[in-house]
Amino acid sequence: MKLKDLAKWNKRVSAAYAIGIWSMVVSYGYFKYTGRYEGMSVRNEEETQEPEDPNKFVHQTAHSKTVMVYKKDFVPYSTQIQNFISTLFSSGPGSGDVGK
């Protein structure tokens, strides 16, 4: 790549960036000036009822409903890995220090 090509590429990328930033600023100003921005409200998620099963979690939004059922005595994988690594570097179970 020659120095002239690099300068052309830099100008083109700078122009694309400037167009993107200015279009965002102008659109925000337009929506703020016309009052359309204030009409938009954040939708609050519907409160879910407490399920009778403590291992069952229901997450419901306006467009979807997700039901998560946790197994009894479930240990997350991150905790399992952490416990495994901690037993490697400490005198935990399986370290061979049983006679002391």
PDB file of N, CA and C in Angstrom:
ATOM      1  N   MET A   1       0.853  -1.164   0.000  1.00  0.00           N
ATOM      2  CA  MET A   1       0.000   0.000   0.000  1.00  0.00           C
ATOM      3  C   MET A   1       0.899   1.226   0.000  1.00  0.00           C
ATOM      4  N   LYS A   2       0.648   2.100  -0.923  1.00  0.00           N
ATOM      5  CA  LYS A   2       1.462   3.306  -1.034  1.00  0.00           C
ATOM      6  C   LYS A   2       0.930   4.381  -0.085  1.00  0.00           C
ATOM      7  N   LEU A   3       1.739   5.404   0.092  1.00  0.00           N
ATOM      8  CA  LEU A   3       1.373   6.481   0.994  1.00  0.00           C
ATOM      9  C   LEU A   3       0.151   7.243   0.488  1.00  0.00           C
ATOM     10  N   LYS A   4       0.011   7.398  -0.823  1.00  0.00           N
ATOM     11  CA  LYS A   4      -1.158   8.083  -1.391  1.00  0.00           C
ATOM     12  C   LYS A   4      -2.432   7.267  -1.125  1.00  0.00           C
ATOM     13  N   ASP A   5      -2.307   5.952  -1.278  1.00  0.00           N
ATOM     14  CA  ASP A   5      -3.462   5.088  -1.037  1.00  0.00           C
ATOM     15  C   ASP A   5      -3.893   5.136   0.429  1.00  0.00           C
ATOM     16  N   LEU A   6      -2.917   5.203   1.305  1.00  0.00           N
ATOM     17  CA  LEU A   6      -3.215   5.270   2.732  1.00  0.00           C
ATOM     18  C   LEU A   6      -3.932   6.580   3.074  1.00  0.00           C
ATOM     19  N   ALA A   7      -3.507   7.659   2.465  1.00  0.00           N
ATOM     20  CA  ALA A   7      -4.149   8.952   2.719  1.00  0.00           C
ATOM     21  C   ALA A   7      -5.587   8.958   2.185  1.00  0.00           C
ATOM     22  N   LYS A   8      -5.810   8.371   1.012  1.00  0.00           N
ATOM     23  CA  LYS A   8      -7.168   8.281   0.457  1.00  0.00           C
ATOM     24  C   LYS A   8      -8.061   7.435   1.364  1.00  0.00           C
ATOM     25  N   TRP A   9      -7.517   6.299   1.819  1.00  0.00           N
ATOM     26  CA  TRP A   9      -8.295   5.407   2.675  1.00  0.00           C
ATOM     27  C   TRP A   9      -8.655   6.116   3.977  1.00  0.00           C
ATOM     28  N   ASN A  10      -7.708   6.864   4.536  1.00  0.00           N
ATOM     29  CA  ASN A  10      -7.951   7.577   5.791  1.00  0.00           C
ATOM     30  C   ASN A  10      -9.048   8.624   5.603  1.00  0.00           C
ATOM     31  N   LYS A  11      -9.034   9.345   4.502  1.00  0.00           N
ATOM     32  CA  LYS A  11     -10.063  10.353   4.237  1.00  0.00           C
ATOM     33  C   LYS A  11     -11.438   9.703   4.093  1.00  0.00           C
ATOM     34  N   ARG A  12     -11.510   8.582   3.402  1.00  0.00           N
ATOM     35  CA  ARG A  12     -12.784   7.899   3.185  1.00  0.00           C
ATOM     36  C   ARG A  12     -13.362   7.376   4.505  1.00  0.00           C
ATOM     37  N   VAL A  13     -12.509   6.789   5.320  1.00  0.00           N
ATOM     38  CA  VAL A  13     -12.979   6.261   6.604  1.00  0.00           C
ATOM     39  C   VAL A  13     -13.415   7.407   7.513  1.00  0.00           C
ATOM     40  N   SER A  14     -12.675   8.499   7.498  1.00  0.00           N
ATOM     41  CA  SER A  14     -13.048   9.661   8.313  1.00  0.00           C
ATOM     42  C   SER A  14     -14.382  10.244   7.859  1.00  0.00           C
ATOM     43  N   ALA A  15     -14.619  10.279   6.559  1.00  0.00           N
ATOM     44  CA  ALA A  15     -15.884  10.789   6.036  1.00  0.00           C
ATOM     45  C   ALA A  15     -17.045   9.879   6.448  1.00  0.00           C
ATOM     46  N   ALA A  16     -16.852   8.567   6.364  1.00  0.00           N
ATOM     47  CA  ALA A  16     -17.907   7.631   6.771  1.00  0.00           C
ATOM     48  C   ALA A  16     -18.217   7.773   8.258  1.00  0.00           C
ATOM     49  N   TYR A  17     -17.194   7.941   9.071  1.00  0.00           N
ATOM     50  CA  TYR A  17     -17.385   8.114  10.506  1.00  0.00           C
ATOM     51  C   TYR A  17     -18.140   9.413  10.788  1.00  0.00           C
ATOM     52  N   ALA A  18     -17.745  10.486  10.105  1.00  0.00           N
ATOM     53  CA  ALA A  18     -18.400  11.778  10.316  1.00  0.00           C
ATOM     54  C   ALA A  18     -19.867  11.726   9.905  1.00  0.00           C
ATOM     55  N   ILE A  19     -20.160  11.070   8.782  1.00  0.00           N
ATOM     56  CA  ILE A  19     -21.554  10.947   8.341  1.00  0.00           C
ATOM     57  C   ILE A  19     -22.370  10.180   9.382  1.00  0.00           C
ATOM     58  N   GLY A  20     -21.811   9.117   9.928  1.00  0.00           N
ATOM     59  CA  GLY A  20     -22.518   8.333  10.936  1.00  0.00           C
ATOM     60  C   GLY A  20     -22.791   9.113  12.202  1.00  0.00           C
ATOM     61  N   ILE A  21     -21.781   9.818  12.695  1.00  0.00           N
ATOM     62  CA  ILE A  21     -21.947  10.590  13.926  1.00  0.00           C
ATOM     63  C   ILE A  21     -22.946  11.727  13.721  1.00  0.00           C
ATOM     64  N   TRP A  22     -22.805  12.467  12.614  1.00  0.00           N
ATOM     65  CA  TRP A  22     -23.706  13.598  12.383  1.00  0.00           C
ATOM     66  C   TRP A  22     -25.142  13.143  12.147  1.00  0.00           C
ATOM     67  N   SER A  23     -25.329  12.005  11.486  1.00  0.00           N
ATOM     68  CA  SER A  23     -26.702  11.525  11.289  1.00  0.00           C
ATOM     69  C   SER A  23     -27.329  11.146  12.628  1.00  0.00           C
ATOM     70  N   MET A  24     -26.535  10.593  13.543  1.00  0.00           N
ATOM     71  CA  MET A  24     -27.059  10.243  14.857  1.00  0.00           C
ATOM     72  C   MET A  24     -27.422  11.508  15.645  1.00  0.00           C
ATOM     73  N   VAL A  25     -26.557  12.514  15.610  1.00  0.00           N
ATOM     74  CA  VAL A  25     -26.816  13.750  16.342  1.00  0.00           C
ATOM     75  C   VAL A  25     -28.032  14.473  15.777  1.00  0.00           C
ATOM     76  N   VAL A  26     -28.136  14.537  14.448  1.00  0.00           N
ATOM     77  CA  VAL A  26     -29.252  15.230  13.813  1.00  0.00           C
ATOM     78  C   VAL A  26     -30.565  14.498  14.069  1.00  0.00           C
ATOM     79  N   SER A  27     -30.565  13.157  14.005  1.00  0.00           N
ATOM     80  CA  SER A  27     -31.802  12.423  14.251  1.00  0.00           C
ATOM     81  C   SER A  27     -32.266  12.586  15.699  1.00  0.00           C
ATOM     82  N   TYR A  28     -31.317  12.603  16.638  1.00  0.00           N
ATOM     83  CA  TYR A  28     -31.686  12.844  18.041  1.00  0.00           C
ATOM     84  C   TYR A  28     -32.294  14.238  18.205  1.00  0.00           C
ATOM     85  N   GLY A  29     -31.677  15.227  17.581  1.00  0.00           N
ATOM     86  CA  GLY A  29     -32.208  16.587  17.652  1.00  0.00           C
ATOM     87  C   GLY A  29     -33.587  16.691  17.027  1.00  0.00           C
ATOM     88  N   TYR A  30     -33.783  15.998  15.907  1.00  0.00           N
ATOM     89  CA  TYR A  30     -35.086  16.021  15.242  1.00  0.00           C
ATOM     90  C   TYR A  30     -36.167  15.420  16.132  1.00  0.00           C
ATOM     91  N   PHE A  31     -35.885  14.265  16.698  1.00  0.00           N
ATOM     92  CA  PHE A  31     -36.875  13.619  17.560  1.00  0.00           C
ATOM     93  C   PHE A  31     -37.124  14.428  18.830  1.00  0.00           C
ATOM     94  N   LYS A  32     -36.102  15.058  19.362  1.00  0.00           N
ATOM     95  CA  LYS A  32     -36.273  15.879  20.557  1.00  0.00           C
ATOM     96  C   LYS A  32     -37.064  17.148  20.230  1.00  0.00           C
ATOM     97  N   TYR A  33     -36.803  17.751  19.073  1.00  0.00           N
ATOM     98  CA  TYR A  33     -37.475  18.989  18.678  1.00  0.00           C
ATOM     99  C   TYR A  33     -38.945  18.750  18.347  1.00  0.00           C
ATOM    100  N   THR A  34     -39.256  17.651  17.658  1.00  0.00           N
ATOM    101  CA  THR A  34     -40.635  17.374  17.273  1.00  0.00           C
ATOM    102  C   THR A  34     -41.453  16.780  18.411  1.00  0.00           C
ATOM    103  N   GLY A  35     -40.827  16.336  19.459  1.00  0.00           N
ATOM    104  CA  GLY A  35     -41.551  15.777  20.599  1.00  0.00           C
ATOM    105  C   GLY A  35     -41.822  14.295  20.469  1.00  0.00           C
ATOM    106  N   ARG A  36     -41.335  13.679  19.417  1.00  0.00           N
ATOM    107  CA  ARG A  36     -41.575  12.242  19.260  1.00  0.00           C
ATOM    108  C   ARG A  36     -40.753  11.428  20.248  1.00  0.00           C
ATOM    109  N   TYR A  37     -39.645  11.967  20.680  1.00  0.00           N
ATOM    110  CA  TYR A  37     -38.776  11.262  21.610  1.00  0.00           C
ATOM    111  C   TYR A  37     -39.433  11.123  22.981  1.00  0.00           C
ATOM    112  N   GLU A  38     -40.226  12.113  23.407  1.00  0.00           N
ATOM    113  CA  GLU A  38     -40.853  12.073  24.719  1.00  0.00           C
ATOM    114  C   GLU A  38     -42.029  11.118  24.765  1.00  0.00           C
ATOM    115  N   GLY A  39     -42.615  10.818  23.611  1.00  0.00           N
ATOM    116  CA  GLY A  39     -43.740   9.897  23.584  1.00  0.00           C
ATOM    117  C   GLY A  39     -43.327   8.459  23.797  1.00  0.00           C
ATOM    118  N   MET A  40     -42.050   8.166  23.578  1.00  0.00           N
ATOM    119  CA  MET A  40     -41.570   6.804  23.770  1.00  0.00           C
ATOM    120  C   MET A  40     -41.393   6.544  25.250  1.00  0.00           C
ATOM    121  N   SER A  41     -41.940   5.471  25.707  1.00  0.00           N
ATOM    122  CA  SER A  41     -41.791   5.132  27.115  1.00  0.00           C
ATOM    123  C   SER A  41     -41.180   3.743  27.229  1.00  0.00           C
ATOM    124  N   VAL A  42     -40.478   3.544  28.283  1.00  0.00           N
ATOM    125  CA  VAL A  42     -39.865   2.257  28.521  1.00  0.00           C
ATOM    126  C   VAL A  42     -40.942   1.314  29.032  1.00  0.00           C
ATOM    127  N   ARG A  43     -41.035   0.179  28.391  1.00  0.00           N
ATOM    128  CA  ARG A  43     -42.034  -0.793  28.828  1.00  0.00           C
ATOM    129  C   ARG A  43     -41.552  -1.488  30.098  1.00  0.00           C
ATOM    130  N   ASN A  44     -42.422  -1.539  31.047  1.00  0.00           N
ATOM    131  CA  ASN A  44     -42.104  -2.269  32.276  1.00  0.00           C
ATOM    132  C   ASN A  44     -42.507  -3.720  32.098  1.00  0.00           C
ATOM    133  N   GLU A  45     -41.630  -4.585  32.530  1.00  0.00           N
ATOM    134  CA  GLU A  45     -41.942  -6.002  32.418  1.00  0.00           C
ATOM    135  C   GLU A  45     -43.030  -6.349  33.435  1.00  0.00           C
ATOM    136  N   GLU A  46     -43.906  -7.214  33.006  1.00  0.00           N
ATOM    137  CA  GLU A  46     -44.988  -7.621  33.883  1.00  0.00           C
ATOM    138  C   GLU A  46     -44.409  -8.405  35.062  1.00  0.00           C
ATOM    139  N   GLU A  47     -44.931  -8.121  36.215  1.00  0.00           N
ATOM    140  CA  GLU A  47     -44.467  -8.856  37.382  1.00  0.00           C
ATOM    141  C   GLU A  47     -45.027 -10.262  37.343  1.00  0.00           C
ATOM    142  N   THR A  48     -44.162 -11.207  37.592  1.00  0.00           N
ATOM    143  CA  THR A  48     -44.586 -12.593  37.561  1.00  0.00           C
ATOM    144  C   THR A  48     -45.032 -13.010  38.953  1.00  0.00           C
ATOM    145  N   GLN A  49     -45.955 -13.922  38.986  1.00  0.00           N
ATOM    146  CA  GLN A  49     -46.414 -14.445  40.260  1.00  0.00           C
ATOM    147  C   GLN A  49     -45.387 -15.439  40.782  1.00  0.00           C
ATOM    148  N   GLU A  50     -45.299 -15.539  42.069  1.00  0.00           N
ATOM    149  CA  GLU A  50     -44.350 -16.453  42.674  1.00  0.00           C
ATOM    150  C   GLU A  50     -44.833 -17.888  42.456  1.00  0.00           C
ATOM    151  N   PRO A  51     -44.051 -18.702  41.788  1.00  0.00           N
ATOM    152  CA  PRO A  51     -44.495 -20.084  41.537  1.00  0.00           C
ATOM    153  C   PRO A  51     -44.482 -20.897  42.834  1.00  0.00           C
ATOM    154  N   GLU A  52     -45.260 -21.963  42.830  1.00  0.00           N
ATOM    155  CA  GLU A  52     -45.343 -22.798  44.017  1.00  0.00           C
ATOM    156  C   GLU A  52     -44.087 -23.646  44.193  1.00  0.00           C
ATOM    157  N   ASP A  53     -43.364 -23.920  43.123  1.00  0.00           N
ATOM    158  CA  ASP A  53     -42.135 -24.692  43.190  1.00  0.00           C
ATOM    159  C   ASP A  53     -40.947 -23.731  43.294  1.00  0.00           C
ATOM    160  N   PRO A  54     -40.145 -23.794  44.352  1.00  0.00           N
ATOM    161  CA  PRO A  54     -39.030 -22.846  44.488  1.00  0.00           C
ATOM    162  C   PRO A  54     -37.934 -23.070  43.456  1.00  0.00           C
ATOM    163  N   ASN A  55     -37.869 -24.246  42.825  1.00  0.00           N
ATOM    164  CA  ASN A  55     -36.863 -24.530  41.816  1.00  0.00           C
ATOM    165  C   ASN A  55     -37.316 -24.103  40.416  1.00  0.00           C
ATOM    166  N   LYS A  56     -38.483 -23.496  40.309  1.00  0.00           N
ATOM    167  CA  LYS A  56     -39.025 -23.093  39.017  1.00  0.00           C
ATOM    168  C   LYS A  56     -39.061 -21.569  38.969  1.00  0.00           C
ATOM    169  N   PHE A  57     -38.476 -20.994  37.903  1.00  0.00           N
ATOM    170  CA  PHE A  57     -38.438 -19.555  37.738  1.00  0.00           C
ATOM    171  C   PHE A  57     -39.095 -19.204  36.411  1.00  0.00           C
ATOM    172  N   VAL A  58     -40.075 -18.304  36.438  1.00  0.00           N
ATOM    173  CA  VAL A  58     -40.794 -17.885  35.239  1.00  0.00           C
ATOM    174  C   VAL A  58     -40.454 -16.429  34.964  1.00  0.00           C
ATOM    175  N   HIS A  59     -39.923 -16.177  33.765  1.00  0.00           N
ATOM    176  CA  HIS A  59     -39.602 -14.811  33.324  1.00  0.00           C
ATOM    177  C   HIS A  59     -40.474 -14.509  32.120  1.00  0.00           C
ATOM    178  N   GLN A  60     -41.362 -13.524  32.275  1.00  0.00           N
ATOM    179  CA  GLN A  60     -42.317 -13.224  31.216  1.00  0.00           C
ATOM    180  C   GLN A  60     -42.171 -11.770  30.786  1.00  0.00           C
ATOM    181  N   THR A  61     -42.104 -11.559  29.470  1.00  0.00           N
ATOM    182  CA  THR A  61     -42.069 -10.219  28.902  1.00  0.00           C
ATOM    183  C   THR A  61     -43.281 -10.064  27.996  1.00  0.00           C
ATOM    184  N   ALA A  62     -43.334  -8.954  27.275  1.00  0.00           N
ATOM    185  CA  ALA A  62     -44.478  -8.718  26.396  1.00  0.00           C
ATOM    186  C   ALA A  62     -44.495  -9.688  25.221  1.00  0.00           C
ATOM    187  N   HIS A  63     -43.328 -10.185  24.837  1.00  0.00           N
ATOM    188  CA  HIS A  63     -43.256 -11.020  23.641  1.00  0.00           C
ATOM    189  C   HIS A  63     -42.889 -12.470  23.909  1.00  0.00           C
ATOM    190  N   SER A  64     -42.429 -12.771  25.100  1.00  0.00           N
ATOM    191  CA  SER A  64     -42.002 -14.145  25.352  1.00  0.00           C
ATOM    192  C   SER A  64     -42.225 -14.525  26.809  1.00  0.00           C
ATOM    193  N   LYS A  65     -42.219 -15.809  27.041  1.00  0.00           N
ATOM    194  CA  LYS A  65     -42.340 -16.348  28.389  1.00  0.00           C
ATOM    195  C   LYS A  65     -41.307 -17.463  28.512  1.00  0.00           C
ATOM    196  N   THR A  66     -40.455 -17.368  29.515  1.00  0.00           N
ATOM    197  CA  THR A  66     -39.397 -18.346  29.707  1.00  0.00           C
ATOM    198  C   THR A  66     -39.576 -18.994  31.063  1.00  0.00           C
ATOM    199  N   VAL A  67     -39.568 -20.302  31.068  1.00  0.00           N
ATOM    200  CA  VAL A  67     -39.685 -21.065  32.307  1.00  0.00           C
ATOM    201  C   VAL A  67     -38.377 -21.815  32.513  1.00  0.00           C
ATOM    202  N   MET A  68     -37.721 -21.563  33.648  1.00  0.00           N
ATOM    203  CA  MET A  68     -36.473 -22.246  33.973  1.00  0.00           C
ATOM    204  C   MET A  68     -36.713 -23.116  35.189  1.00  0.00           C
ATOM    205  N   VAL A  69     -36.366 -24.382  35.074  1.00  0.00           N
ATOM    206  CA  VAL A  69     -36.519 -25.315  36.181  1.00  0.00           C
ATOM    207  C   VAL A  69     -35.124 -25.760  36.591  1.00  0.00           C
ATOM    208  N   TYR A  70     -34.757 -25.470  37.832  1.00  0.00           N
ATOM    209  CA  TYR A  70     -33.459 -25.846  38.345  1.00  0.00           C
ATOM    210  C   TYR A  70     -33.566 -27.214  39.002  1.00  0.00           C
ATOM    211  N   LYS A  71     -32.556 -28.047  38.781  1.00  0.00           N
ATOM    212  CA  LYS A  71     -32.525 -29.349  39.429  1.00  0.00           C
ATOM    213  C   LYS A  71     -32.220 -29.172  40.911  1.00  0.00           C
ATOM    214  N   LYS A  72     -32.717 -30.090  41.711  1.00  0.00           N
ATOM    215  CA  LYS A  72     -32.464 -30.036  43.147  1.00  0.00           C
ATOM    216  C   LYS A  72     -30.988 -30.342  43.383  1.00  0.00           C
ATOM    217  N   ASP A  73     -30.357 -29.586  44.277  1.00  0.00           N
ATOM    218  CA  ASP A  73     -28.938 -29.721  44.611  1.00  0.00           C
ATOM    219  C   ASP A  73     -28.044 -29.511  43.391  1.00  0.00           C
ATOM    220  N   PHE A  74     -28.394 -28.580  42.535  1.00  0.00           N
ATOM    221  CA  PHE A  74     -27.609 -28.283  41.343  1.00  0.00           C
ATOM    222  C   PHE A  74     -26.426 -27.394  41.713  1.00  0.00           C
ATOM    223  N   VAL A  75     -25.241 -27.751  41.211  1.00  0.00           N
ATOM    224  CA  VAL A  75     -24.044 -26.947  41.429  1.00  0.00           C
ATOM    225  C   VAL A  75     -23.609 -26.414  40.067  1.00  0.00           C
ATOM    226  N   PRO A  76     -23.481 -25.098  39.919  1.00  0.00           N
ATOM    227  CA  PRO A  76     -23.093 -24.545  38.618  1.00  0.00           C
ATOM    228  C   PRO A  76     -21.711 -25.038  38.184  1.00  0.00           C
ATOM    229  N   TYR A  77     -21.500 -25.043  36.865  1.00  0.00           N
ATOM    230  CA  TYR A  77     -20.244 -25.543  36.327  1.00  0.00           C
ATOM    231  C   TYR A  77     -19.057 -24.698  36.779  1.00  0.00           C
ATOM    232  N   SER A  78     -19.268 -23.393  36.893  1.00  0.00           N
ATOM    233  CA  SER A  78     -18.167 -22.528  37.332  1.00  0.00           C
ATOM    234  C   SER A  78     -17.732 -22.888  38.751  1.00  0.00           C
ATOM    235  N   THR A  79     -18.677 -23.227  39.607  1.00  0.00           N
ATOM    236  CA  THR A  79     -18.340 -23.620  40.974  1.00  0.00           C
ATOM    237  C   THR A  79     -17.647 -24.975  40.988  1.00  0.00           C
ATOM    238  N   GLN A  80     -18.071 -25.887  40.124  1.00  0.00           N
ATOM    239  CA  GLN A  80     -17.419 -27.193  40.047  1.00  0.00           C
ATOM    240  C   GLN A  80     -15.968 -27.054  39.610  1.00  0.00           C
ATOM    241  N   ILE A  81     -15.722 -26.199  38.612  1.00  0.00           N
ATOM    242  CA  ILE A  81     -14.360 -25.987  38.132  1.00  0.00           C
ATOM    243  C   ILE A  81     -13.514 -25.315  39.208  1.00  0.00           C
ATOM    244  N   GLN A  82     -14.086 -24.343  39.902  1.00  0.00           N
ATOM    245  CA  GLN A  82     -13.360 -23.651  40.966  1.00  0.00           C
ATOM    246  C   GLN A  82     -12.992 -24.623  42.086  1.00  0.00           C
ATOM    247  N   ASN A  83     -13.905 -25.498  42.464  1.00  0.00           N
ATOM    248  CA  ASN A  83     -13.625 -26.481  43.510  1.00  0.00           C
ATOM    249  C   ASN A  83     -12.543 -27.456  43.062  1.00  0.00           C
ATOM    250  N   PHE A  84     -12.576 -27.854  41.794  1.00  0.00           N
ATOM    251  CA  PHE A  84     -11.576 -28.782  41.275  1.00  0.00           C
ATOM    252  C   PHE A  84     -10.187 -28.156  41.300  1.00  0.00           C
ATOM    253  N   ILE A  85     -10.086 -26.893  40.863  1.00  0.00           N
ATOM    254  CA  ILE A  85      -8.790 -26.220  40.838  1.00  0.00           C
ATOM    255  C   ILE A  85      -8.289 -25.953  42.248  1.00  0.00           C
ATOM    256  N   SER A  86      -9.181 -25.610  43.162  1.00  0.00           N
ATOM    257  CA  SER A  86      -8.751 -25.346  44.536  1.00  0.00           C
ATOM    258  C   SER A  86      -8.257 -26.615  45.219  1.00  0.00           C
ATOM    259  N   THR A  87      -8.798 -27.776  44.872  1.00  0.00           N
ATOM    260  CA  THR A  87      -8.301 -29.019  45.466  1.00  0.00           C
ATOM    261  C   THR A  87      -6.941 -29.396  44.893  1.00  0.00           C
ATOM    262  N   LEU A  88      -6.608 -28.923  43.702  1.00  0.00           N
ATOM    263  CA  LEU A  88      -5.296 -29.213  43.141  1.00  0.00           C
ATOM    264  C   LEU A  88      -4.196 -28.477  43.892  1.00  0.00           C
ATOM    265  N   PHE A  89      -4.466 -27.268  44.344  1.00  0.00           N
ATOM    266  CA  PHE A  89      -3.449 -26.436  44.976  1.00  0.00           C
ATOM    267  C   PHE A  89      -3.538 -26.405  46.500  1.00  0.00           C
ATOM    268  N   SER A  90      -4.434 -27.143  47.082  1.00  0.00           N
ATOM    269  CA  SER A  90      -4.536 -27.180  48.532  1.00  0.00           C
ATOM    270  C   SER A  90      -4.558 -28.615  49.012  1.00  0.00           C
ATOM    271  N   SER A  91      -4.587 -28.801  50.296  1.00  0.00           N
ATOM    272  CA  SER A  91      -4.615 -30.161  50.840  1.00  0.00           C
ATOM    273  C   SER A  91      -6.055 -30.602  51.027  1.00  0.00           C
ATOM    274  N   GLY A  92      -6.827 -30.505  49.978  1.00  0.00           N
ATOM    275  CA  GLY A  92      -8.231 -30.901  50.027  1.00  0.00           C
ATOM    276  C   GLY A  92      -8.372 -32.388  49.819  1.00  0.00           C
ATOM    277  N   PRO A  93      -9.580 -32.842  49.600  1.00  0.00           N
ATOM    278  CA  PRO A  93      -9.810 -34.275  49.409  1.00  0.00           C
ATOM    279  C   PRO A  93      -9.103 -34.756  48.149  1.00  0.00           C
ATOM    280  N   GLY A  94      -8.487 -35.954  48.277  1.00  0.00           N
ATOM    281  CA  GLY A  94      -7.822 -36.563  47.144  1.00  0.00           C
ATOM    282  C   GLY A  94      -6.393 -36.092  46.953  1.00  0.00           C
ATOM    283  N   SER A  95      -5.832 -35.405  47.941  1.00  0.00           N
ATOM    284  CA  SER A  95      -4.475 -34.893  47.783  1.00  0.00           C
ATOM    285  C   SER A  95      -3.414 -35.891  48.242  1.00  0.00           C
ATOM    286  N   GLY A  96      -3.789 -36.960  48.890  1.00  0.00           N
ATOM    287  CA  GLY A  96      -2.825 -37.989  49.313  1.00  0.00           C
ATOM    288  C   GLY A  96      -2.228 -37.730  50.683  1.00  0.00           C
ATOM    289  N   ASP A  97      -2.719 -36.773  51.432  1.00  0.00           N
ATOM    290  CA  ASP A  97      -2.198 -36.463  52.769  1.00  0.00           C
ATOM    291  C   ASP A  97      -3.076 -37.079  53.843  1.00  0.00           C
ATOM    292  N   VAL A  98      -3.420 -38.350  53.721  1.00  0.00           N
ATOM    293  CA  VAL A  98      -4.397 -38.961  54.611  1.00  0.00           C
ATOM    294  C   VAL A  98      -3.740 -39.387  55.939  1.00  0.00           C
ATOM    295  N   GLY A  99      -2.501 -39.666  56.056  1.00  0.00           N
ATOM    296  CA  GLY A  99      -1.908 -40.190  57.278  1.00  0.00           C
ATOM    297  C   GLY A  99      -1.427 -39.137  58.250  1.00  0.00           C
ATOM    298  N   LYS A 100      -1.588 -37.899  58.045  1.00  0.00           N
ATOM    299  CA  LYS A 100      -1.008 -36.867  58.915  1.00  0.00           C
ATOM    300  C   LYS A 100      -1.864 -36.529  60.085  1.00  0.00           C
TER     301      LYS A 100
END
